[in-house]
Amino acid sequence: MCGARILLAALLVFASVARAQDPYNLIGCITAIQHSGAFDIEGIHILFTPTTKFRTHTGSFSTAPASRPATYYLGESIEAVGVLDNFSHTLTASRITLVPAKPASVRGIAIIDLIPSVAATQPASDRTIRADGFLLHITAKTKLNFAAPLTSIADIATNQWVDYSGVQQLDGTVLLDYAGIGPNKVSHMEDWIRTKVDYDPAAVPDGSHQSGVSKAFIGVDPRKIPPYRDAAMQARVQRIGESLIPAYQRALPASDPNKINFRFQVIDSTKWRDAASLSNGIILVPRQVVERMQNDDQLAAVLADNIAETIEKDTLHITSTYTKVVGAEVAGDVAGIFLPGAGLATLFAGGKVSAHGYTLALQQSGRVSLCFLHDAGYDITQAPLAWWLLASKSVKPIEQVPIPPRADTLYIVLGTTWNPIAEASRLP
């Protein structure tokens, strides 16, 4: 019997090795770049040999070293064909094909968080605004709709909603064909909910606990989650969080209903792998999230995402798809809707939002978070790594964790919106 088991194991190993020798086609984004010029695709290390052939998607193959690009960039789309070794997570490439970026249609609904300075030579009909993680370019050809009291392009400012559609150019900017813009209204219900969930997490007793019956009926009640009493960790989270608050929010007077009083509290929760943002600006940060992060840039990525979620009111307008609203009331209608809850993760876990809506909201908060990270001087390339490190239930090296959709999406954004061409033309 033992001999039969050994024979069976040998056959299985032989079959596995044989399959590994078959050509493997890998298409995806570059997720890491080494000093040698080698790179990873979706976490798989790509190995070159003297016979590896390189080409662009439409060009001819060549093995000459000069045919290889001088530099690669994170998020660049690559196709690699070769022999995959599942044990070492490496692919020995026989050929590498660069897949060139193409203009792509985009659309969304978001808060305008930055308006770059207008150049003296810029036509009066042109305006660049930043929203939804993109630089959106309004031209004379853009169809505009304004909600009262806005009447013209001169009234566009930060802290307004924009419903847009357009085509993203190779430099990362979006050339708009439509933009509906209106004020960011705070409804009576939203104001009431902000007040209702307002509390001091640090004042929650250490022994607080929410019963299973309570969770089943009302969902997670953050007021029952005790803080994690580590002064140094709390100070670090508070410092990083405050540095990420966008300038326009800082500039709002305390009397403005749209002013969000962001507060960051480390909590003693052992199950969450994300922070939780409340509508009133309280962001609860589980201690294990802080402990998994390898540097301040990664921790900032998690906090920036939750700040973005709060500002964009993602729990308010999650739908099966973002639908263009025709008419001047576009932004006012969206901003007037408010759903109570502790955050996207809580709502989704309770079955209160669709999986598609949840995905769209995470994509939006991820895009916007890169802008906040960039403005505050953090390394935006660490953002996808943060979510990769949080993807597994237990702590594991990234090499042992398949790349999660959240990280994959951010690599795509790095390649399309923050690539070297985009960076060279990015407005301050």
Protein backbone atom coordinates (compact mmCIF):
# COMPACT_ATOMS: atom_id res chain seq x y z
CA MET A 1 0.00 0.00 0.00
CA CYS A 2 2.81 2.41 0.90
CA GLY A 3 4.58 1.63 -2.40
CA ALA A 4 1.36 2.33 -4.31
CA ARG A 5 1.05 5.69 -2.61
CA ILE A 6 4.63 6.58 -3.53
CA LEU A 7 4.04 5.57 -7.14
CA LEU A 8 0.84 7.61 -7.27
CA ALA A 9 2.61 10.64 -5.80
CA ALA A 10 5.42 10.27 -8.33
CA LEU A 11 2.93 10.13 -11.19
CA LEU A 12 1.16 13.23 -9.92
CA VAL A 13 4.46 15.13 -9.64
CA PHE A 14 5.45 14.01 -13.16
CA ALA A 15 2.09 15.15 -14.53
CA SER A 16 2.41 18.48 -12.74
CA VAL A 17 5.92 19.04 -14.13
CA ALA A 18 4.74 18.08 -17.62
CA ARG A 19 1.89 20.57 -17.43
CA ALA A 20 4.29 23.25 -16.19
CA GLN A 21 6.34 22.86 -19.39
CA ASP A 22 3.38 23.77 -21.56
CA PRO A 23 3.36 27.38 -22.83
CA TYR A 24 1.48 29.59 -20.41
CA ASN A 25 -0.13 32.84 -21.53
CA LEU A 26 -0.23 35.58 -18.90
CA ILE A 27 -1.91 38.93 -19.57
CA GLY A 28 -2.17 41.64 -16.94
CA CYS A 29 -0.66 44.69 -15.30
CA ILE A 30 2.89 45.12 -14.09
CA THR A 31 2.70 44.96 -10.31
CA ALA A 32 6.39 45.29 -9.41
CA ILE A 33 9.61 46.41 -11.10
CA GLN A 34 13.12 45.39 -10.06
CA HIS A 35 16.27 47.48 -10.48
CA SER A 36 17.46 45.01 -13.10
CA GLY A 37 14.51 45.88 -15.32
CA ALA A 38 12.71 42.60 -14.61
CA PHE A 39 9.11 42.88 -13.48
CA ASP A 40 6.10 41.03 -12.07
CA ILE A 41 2.75 40.59 -13.78
CA GLU A 42 -0.14 40.11 -11.35
CA GLY A 43 2.39 38.97 -8.75
CA ILE A 44 4.15 36.45 -11.04
CA HIS A 45 7.90 37.07 -11.46
CA ILE A 46 8.86 37.28 -15.14
CA LEU A 47 12.28 35.86 -16.01
CA PHE A 48 14.09 36.77 -19.24
CA THR A 49 16.55 34.61 -21.17
CA PRO A 50 18.92 35.46 -24.05
CA THR A 51 16.26 34.14 -26.44
CA THR A 52 13.28 36.04 -24.98
CA LYS A 53 11.59 38.01 -27.74
CA PHE A 54 10.09 41.48 -27.22
CA ARG A 55 7.63 43.44 -29.28
CA THR A 56 4.80 45.93 -29.11
CA HIS A 57 1.31 44.63 -29.77
CA THR A 58 1.53 45.56 -33.45
CA GLY A 59 5.30 45.36 -34.01
CA SER A 60 7.61 42.56 -34.99
CA PHE A 61 9.51 40.39 -32.54
CA SER A 62 13.16 41.05 -31.74
CA THR A 63 15.69 39.57 -29.34
CA ALA A 64 18.06 42.54 -29.55
CA PRO A 65 18.54 44.17 -26.13
CA ALA A 66 17.86 47.58 -27.69
CA SER A 67 14.36 46.43 -28.57
CA ARG A 68 13.40 46.28 -24.90
CA PRO A 69 11.82 49.42 -23.44
CA ALA A 70 14.24 51.47 -21.38
CA THR A 71 11.73 51.51 -18.56
CA TYR A 72 8.49 49.86 -17.59
CA TYR A 73 5.89 51.40 -15.31
CA LEU A 74 3.44 50.06 -12.75
CA GLY A 75 0.09 49.28 -14.26
CA GLU A 76 1.46 48.90 -17.80
CA SER A 77 -0.42 46.19 -19.68
CA ILE A 78 1.80 43.27 -20.67
CA GLU A 79 1.36 39.86 -22.26
CA ALA A 80 3.96 37.21 -21.40
CA VAL A 81 4.18 33.71 -22.85
CA GLY A 82 6.47 31.07 -21.40
CA VAL A 83 6.89 28.29 -18.86
CA LEU A 84 5.17 28.81 -15.52
CA ASP A 85 6.60 27.41 -12.28
CA ASN A 86 3.77 27.40 -9.75
CA PHE A 87 6.09 26.62 -6.84
CA SER A 88 8.34 29.67 -7.30
CA HIS A 89 5.64 31.89 -8.84
CA THR A 90 7.87 32.59 -11.83
CA LEU A 91 7.34 32.54 -15.58
CA THR A 92 10.35 32.06 -17.85
CA ALA A 93 9.27 34.14 -20.83
CA SER A 94 9.75 33.12 -24.43
CA ARG A 95 8.12 36.32 -25.59
CA ILE A 96 6.92 39.62 -24.11
CA THR A 97 4.32 41.79 -25.81
CA LEU A 98 3.60 45.37 -24.74
CA VAL A 99 -0.10 46.11 -25.06
CA PRO A 100 -0.44 49.84 -25.84
CA ALA A 101 -2.98 51.90 -23.96
CA LYS A 102 -6.01 53.20 -25.86
CA PRO A 103 -8.45 56.02 -25.15
CA ALA A 104 -11.36 54.67 -23.09
CA SER A 105 -14.86 55.92 -22.29
CA VAL A 106 -15.49 56.75 -18.63
CA ARG A 107 -18.41 58.14 -16.66
CA GLY A 108 -19.33 58.72 -13.05
CA ILE A 109 -20.76 60.93 -10.32
CA ALA A 110 -18.39 62.52 -7.82
CA ILE A 111 -17.45 65.52 -5.71
CA ILE A 112 -15.15 68.13 -7.27
CA ASP A 113 -12.17 68.18 -4.87
CA LEU A 114 -9.68 70.36 -6.77
CA ILE A 115 -9.71 73.03 -9.47
CA PRO A 116 -6.25 73.72 -10.92
CA SER A 117 -5.28 77.30 -11.70
CA VAL A 118 -6.59 78.60 -15.02
CA ALA A 119 -3.84 79.55 -17.47
CA ALA A 120 -4.00 83.05 -18.91
CA THR A 121 -4.16 81.58 -22.42
CA GLN A 122 -6.96 79.15 -21.57
CA PRO A 123 -10.23 79.88 -23.43
CA ALA A 124 -13.16 81.01 -21.28
CA SER A 125 -15.09 77.91 -22.36
CA ASP A 126 -12.36 75.59 -21.06
CA ARG A 127 -11.97 74.44 -17.49
CA THR A 128 -10.14 71.57 -15.82
CA ILE A 129 -11.55 70.11 -12.63
CA ARG A 130 -10.57 67.10 -10.55
CA ALA A 131 -13.23 64.65 -9.50
CA ASP A 132 -13.61 60.88 -9.19
CA GLY A 133 -9.83 60.50 -9.32
CA PHE A 134 -9.57 62.08 -12.79
CA LEU A 135 -8.61 65.43 -14.25
CA LEU A 136 -11.78 66.28 -16.20
CA HIS A 137 -11.42 68.70 -19.12
CA ILE A 138 -14.42 70.85 -20.07
CA THR A 139 -14.31 72.40 -23.54
CA ALA A 140 -16.63 74.37 -25.80
CA LYS A 141 -17.91 71.02 -27.11
CA THR A 142 -18.93 69.74 -23.66
CA LYS A 143 -22.69 69.67 -23.06
CA LEU A 144 -23.23 71.40 -19.72
CA ASN A 145 -26.15 71.30 -17.30
CA PHE A 146 -26.21 73.37 -14.12
CA ALA A 147 -28.37 72.98 -11.03
CA ALA A 148 -29.48 76.17 -9.27
CA PRO A 149 -27.94 78.37 -8.04
CA LEU A 150 -25.17 77.55 -10.55
CA THR A 151 -25.70 79.09 -13.98
CA SER A 152 -22.39 79.04 -15.86
CA ILE A 153 -18.87 77.66 -16.02
CA ALA A 154 -17.73 80.60 -13.89
CA ASP A 155 -19.74 79.17 -10.94
CA ILE A 156 -17.90 75.84 -10.87
CA ALA A 157 -16.07 75.30 -7.57
CA THR A 158 -14.92 72.54 -5.24
CA ASN A 159 -17.47 70.78 -3.04
CA GLN A 160 -19.94 70.47 -5.91
CA TRP A 161 -21.28 67.33 -7.56
CA VAL A 162 -20.41 66.53 -11.16
CA ASP A 163 -22.11 63.87 -13.25
CA TYR A 164 -19.83 63.36 -16.23
CA SER A 165 -19.04 61.26 -19.26
CA GLY A 166 -16.10 61.45 -21.63
CA VAL A 167 -13.04 59.74 -23.04
CA GLN A 168 -9.84 59.26 -21.08
CA GLN A 169 -6.84 60.31 -23.13
CA LEU A 170 -3.40 58.71 -23.12
CA ASP A 171 -2.15 61.48 -20.80
CA GLY A 172 -4.70 60.40 -18.19
CA THR A 173 -7.04 63.39 -18.54
CA VAL A 174 -10.70 62.91 -19.48
CA LEU A 175 -12.10 64.94 -22.37
CA LEU A 176 -15.71 65.52 -21.38
CA ASP A 177 -18.67 65.30 -23.71
CA TYR A 178 -21.15 65.89 -20.86
CA ALA A 179 -21.04 67.44 -17.40
CA GLY A 180 -23.94 68.07 -15.05
CA ILE A 181 -22.86 70.17 -12.06
CA GLY A 182 -24.75 71.18 -8.95
CA PRO A 183 -24.34 72.05 -5.25
CA ASN A 184 -23.53 69.56 -2.54
CA LYS A 185 -26.69 69.63 -0.46
CA VAL A 186 -27.01 68.24 3.04
CA SER A 187 -30.55 67.03 3.59
CA HIS A 188 -32.32 67.11 6.96
CA MET A 189 -32.11 63.32 7.10
CA GLU A 190 -28.38 63.35 6.49
CA ASP A 191 -27.84 65.98 9.15
CA TRP A 192 -29.96 63.96 11.59
CA ILE A 193 -28.03 60.77 10.92
CA ARG A 194 -24.71 62.54 11.39
CA THR A 195 -25.89 63.70 14.79
CA LYS A 196 -27.33 60.31 15.71
CA VAL A 197 -24.10 58.39 15.08
CA ASP A 198 -21.85 61.03 16.60
CA TYR A 199 -19.98 59.75 19.62
CA ASP A 200 -16.52 59.50 21.10
CA PRO A 201 -15.09 56.02 20.43
CA ALA A 202 -12.43 56.61 23.07
CA ALA A 203 -15.20 56.83 25.66
CA VAL A 204 -16.55 53.33 24.93
CA PRO A 205 -15.82 51.02 27.88
CA ASP A 206 -13.29 48.26 27.23
CA GLY A 207 -15.84 45.55 28.00
CA SER A 208 -18.48 46.75 25.52
CA HIS A 209 -20.02 44.05 23.36
CA GLN A 210 -22.86 43.91 20.86
CA SER A 211 -25.06 40.86 20.94
CA GLY A 212 -25.68 38.69 17.91
CA VAL A 213 -29.39 39.51 18.05
CA SER A 214 -28.63 43.22 17.93
CA LYS A 215 -26.32 42.78 14.92
CA ALA A 216 -29.01 40.78 13.12
CA PHE A 217 -31.60 43.52 13.55
CA ILE A 218 -29.65 46.78 13.26
CA GLY A 219 -26.27 45.72 11.88
CA VAL A 220 -22.94 46.56 13.46
CA ASP A 221 -23.21 49.30 16.06
CA PRO A 222 -19.77 51.00 16.20
CA ARG A 223 -20.71 52.54 19.55
CA LYS A 224 -20.26 49.08 21.03
CA ILE A 225 -16.71 48.65 19.71
CA PRO A 226 -14.07 49.48 22.33
CA PRO A 227 -10.94 51.42 21.40
CA TYR A 228 -7.50 49.86 21.27
CA ARG A 229 -5.58 51.68 23.95
CA ASP A 230 -2.14 52.19 22.42
CA ALA A 231 -1.15 55.85 22.60
CA ALA A 232 1.66 55.59 20.05
CA MET A 233 -0.48 53.75 17.48
CA GLN A 234 -3.37 56.17 18.02
CA ALA A 235 -1.08 59.18 17.55
CA ARG A 236 0.34 57.72 14.34
CA VAL A 237 -3.09 57.04 12.85
CA GLN A 238 -4.33 60.49 13.84
CA ARG A 239 -1.27 62.20 12.34
CA ILE A 240 -1.49 60.38 9.03
CA GLY A 241 -5.25 60.72 8.80
CA GLU A 242 -5.24 64.47 9.38
CA SER A 243 -2.54 64.95 6.72
CA LEU A 244 -4.84 63.39 4.11
CA ILE A 245 -7.87 65.65 4.52
CA PRO A 246 -8.23 67.53 1.20
CA ALA A 247 -7.50 71.24 1.19
CA TYR A 248 -11.01 72.29 0.18
CA GLN A 249 -12.46 70.47 3.20
CA ARG A 250 -9.97 72.16 5.51
CA ALA A 251 -10.96 75.53 4.08
CA LEU A 252 -14.68 75.12 4.76
CA PRO A 253 -15.82 77.12 7.79
CA ALA A 254 -17.05 75.19 10.80
CA SER A 255 -20.54 76.57 10.18
CA ASP A 256 -20.76 75.01 6.71
CA PRO A 257 -23.02 71.91 6.75
CA ASN A 258 -20.62 70.23 4.31
CA LYS A 259 -17.70 70.53 6.72
CA ILE A 260 -16.70 67.03 7.83
CA ASN A 261 -15.05 66.77 11.23
CA PHE A 262 -12.74 63.85 10.48
CA ARG A 263 -11.62 61.87 13.49
CA PHE A 264 -9.54 58.70 13.47
CA GLN A 265 -9.83 56.08 16.17
CA VAL A 266 -7.95 52.78 16.52
CA ILE A 267 -10.34 50.08 17.68
CA ASP A 268 -9.87 46.67 19.25
CA SER A 269 -11.44 44.59 16.48
CA THR A 270 -9.85 41.35 15.33
CA LYS A 271 -11.94 40.49 12.25
CA TRP A 272 -12.11 43.57 10.02
CA ARG A 273 -9.52 43.98 7.26
CA ASP A 274 -10.50 47.54 6.43
CA ALA A 275 -11.31 50.65 8.37
CA ALA A 276 -14.96 51.74 8.69
CA SER A 277 -16.06 55.28 7.90
CA LEU A 278 -19.10 56.88 9.47
CA SER A 279 -21.06 59.61 7.73
CA ASN A 280 -20.02 62.21 10.30
CA GLY A 281 -16.29 61.74 9.67
CA ILE A 282 -15.36 59.21 12.34
CA ILE A 283 -13.08 56.55 10.85
CA LEU A 284 -12.61 53.40 12.90
CA VAL A 285 -9.27 51.70 12.26
CA PRO A 286 -8.82 48.10 13.49
CA ARG A 287 -5.48 47.59 15.18
CA GLN A 288 -4.65 44.55 13.00
CA VAL A 289 -4.96 46.74 9.90
CA VAL A 290 -2.33 49.08 11.33
CA GLU A 291 -0.13 46.15 12.31
CA ARG A 292 -0.21 44.60 8.81
CA MET A 293 0.92 47.77 7.08
CA GLN A 294 4.65 47.88 6.34
CA ASN A 295 5.01 51.67 6.23
CA ASP A 296 3.14 54.97 6.61
CA ASP A 297 2.35 55.12 2.88
CA GLN A 298 0.36 51.89 3.06
CA LEU A 299 -1.48 52.95 6.20
CA ALA A 300 -2.22 56.29 4.53
CA ALA A 301 -3.74 54.39 1.57
CA VAL A 302 -6.30 52.72 3.84
CA LEU A 303 -7.15 55.99 5.61
CA ALA A 304 -7.34 57.95 2.33
CA ASP A 305 -9.74 55.39 0.90
CA ASN A 306 -12.07 55.81 3.85
CA ILE A 307 -11.82 59.60 3.70
CA ALA A 308 -12.77 59.37 0.03
CA GLU A 309 -15.68 57.08 0.85
CA THR A 310 -17.02 59.62 3.34
CA ILE A 311 -16.60 62.63 1.03
CA GLU A 312 -18.14 60.87 -1.96
CA LYS A 313 -21.04 59.64 0.19
CA ASP A 314 -20.56 56.26 -1.44
CA THR A 315 -23.14 54.66 0.84
CA LEU A 316 -25.66 57.20 -0.46
CA HIS A 317 -25.67 56.55 -4.15
CA ILE A 318 -24.69 52.92 -4.60
CA THR A 319 -26.89 51.61 -7.42
CA SER A 320 -26.74 48.72 -9.86
CA THR A 321 -24.89 51.06 -12.19
CA TYR A 322 -24.07 54.74 -12.39
CA THR A 323 -26.73 56.15 -14.71
CA LYS A 324 -26.37 59.51 -16.40
CA VAL A 325 -29.07 61.87 -15.13
CA VAL A 326 -30.37 64.16 -17.85
CA GLY A 327 -31.34 67.56 -16.52
CA ALA A 328 -30.06 70.31 -14.30
CA GLU A 329 -31.07 68.59 -11.05
CA VAL A 330 -28.35 65.92 -11.44
CA ALA A 331 -26.14 66.57 -8.43
CA GLY A 332 -28.79 67.91 -6.08
CA ASP A 333 -30.83 64.72 -6.38
CA VAL A 334 -27.86 62.49 -5.70
CA ALA A 335 -26.72 64.51 -2.72
CA GLY A 336 -30.20 64.52 -1.18
CA ILE A 337 -30.23 60.73 -0.74
CA PHE A 338 -28.70 59.27 2.38
CA LEU A 339 -28.59 55.75 3.70
CA PRO A 340 -27.56 55.15 7.32
CA GLY A 341 -24.74 52.76 8.06
CA ALA A 342 -21.20 52.42 9.29
CA GLY A 343 -19.68 52.09 5.85
CA LEU A 344 -19.57 50.13 2.63
CA ALA A 345 -18.30 46.93 4.20
CA THR A 346 -21.07 46.93 6.79
CA LEU A 347 -23.80 47.67 4.25
CA PHE A 348 -22.54 45.04 1.86
CA ALA A 349 -22.22 42.40 4.57
CA GLY A 350 -25.85 43.06 5.51
CA GLY A 351 -27.04 42.50 1.95
CA LYS A 352 -28.22 46.12 1.69
CA VAL A 353 -26.33 46.95 -1.49
CA SER A 354 -25.68 45.06 -4.70
CA ALA A 355 -22.32 43.45 -5.33
CA HIS A 356 -21.98 45.55 -8.47
CA GLY A 357 -22.72 48.78 -6.62
CA TYR A 358 -20.24 47.83 -3.92
CA THR A 359 -17.57 47.18 -6.55
CA LEU A 360 -18.18 50.54 -8.23
CA ALA A 361 -17.98 52.33 -4.89
CA LEU A 362 -14.66 50.65 -4.03
CA GLN A 363 -13.26 51.56 -7.43
CA GLN A 364 -14.27 55.18 -6.91
CA SER A 365 -12.86 55.50 -3.38
CA GLY A 366 -9.66 53.85 -4.62
CA ARG A 367 -9.22 56.33 -7.50
CA VAL A 368 -9.95 59.32 -5.28
CA SER A 369 -7.65 58.03 -2.54
CA LEU A 370 -4.68 58.18 -4.93
CA CYS A 371 -5.33 61.90 -5.40
CA PHE A 372 -5.42 62.51 -1.65
CA LEU A 373 -2.24 60.48 -1.20
CA HIS A 374 -0.51 62.41 -3.98
CA ASP A 375 -1.57 65.79 -2.55
CA ALA A 376 -0.23 64.84 0.90
CA GLY A 377 3.11 63.64 -0.46
CA TYR A 378 2.69 59.90 0.07
CA ASP A 379 3.90 57.20 -2.34
CA ILE A 380 0.80 56.25 -4.35
CA THR A 381 2.44 53.05 -5.62
CA GLN A 382 2.08 51.63 -2.10
CA ALA A 383 -1.73 51.81 -2.23
CA PRO A 384 -2.37 48.53 -4.08
CA LEU A 385 0.17 46.79 -1.85
CA ALA A 386 -1.82 47.85 1.21
CA TRP A 387 -4.96 46.08 -0.01
CA TRP A 388 -2.93 43.09 -1.16
CA LEU A 389 -1.50 42.71 2.35
CA LEU A 390 -5.03 42.87 3.78
CA ALA A 391 -6.54 40.39 1.32
CA SER A 392 -5.90 37.19 3.32
CA LYS A 393 -7.56 36.37 6.61
CA SER A 394 -4.22 35.46 8.18
CA VAL A 395 -0.92 37.27 7.71
CA LYS A 396 0.85 35.92 4.63
CA PRO A 397 3.60 37.09 2.26
CA ILE A 398 2.17 38.70 -0.86
CA GLU A 399 3.76 35.93 -2.99
CA GLN A 400 1.33 33.48 -1.38
CA VAL A 401 -1.77 35.61 -1.91
CA PRO A 402 -3.54 35.95 -5.28
CA ILE A 403 -3.86 39.59 -6.21
CA PRO A 404 -7.25 40.85 -4.97
CA PRO A 405 -9.55 42.87 -7.29
CA ARG A 406 -9.09 45.98 -5.16
CA ALA A 407 -5.33 45.99 -5.69
CA ASP A 408 -5.66 45.01 -9.34
CA THR A 409 -7.97 47.96 -9.96
CA LEU A 410 -5.46 50.36 -8.44
CA TYR A 411 -2.66 49.03 -10.64
CA ILE A 412 -4.87 49.69 -13.65
CA VAL A 413 -5.45 53.25 -12.42
CA LEU A 414 -1.70 53.72 -11.94
CA GLY A 415 -1.16 52.59 -15.52
CA THR A 416 -3.90 54.68 -17.14
CA THR A 417 -4.20 57.81 -14.98
CA TRP A 418 -0.79 58.09 -13.30
CA ASN A 419 1.55 56.70 -15.99
CA PRO A 420 4.73 58.62 -16.98
CA ILE A 421 2.94 60.42 -19.83
CA ALA A 422 0.21 61.54 -17.45
CA GLU A 423 2.69 62.57 -14.76
CA ALA A 424 4.61 64.75 -17.25
CA SER A 425 1.45 66.70 -18.07
CA ARG A 426 -0.27 66.59 -14.65
CA LEU A 427 -1.48 69.94 -13.41
CA PRO A 428 -0.54 71.01 -9.87
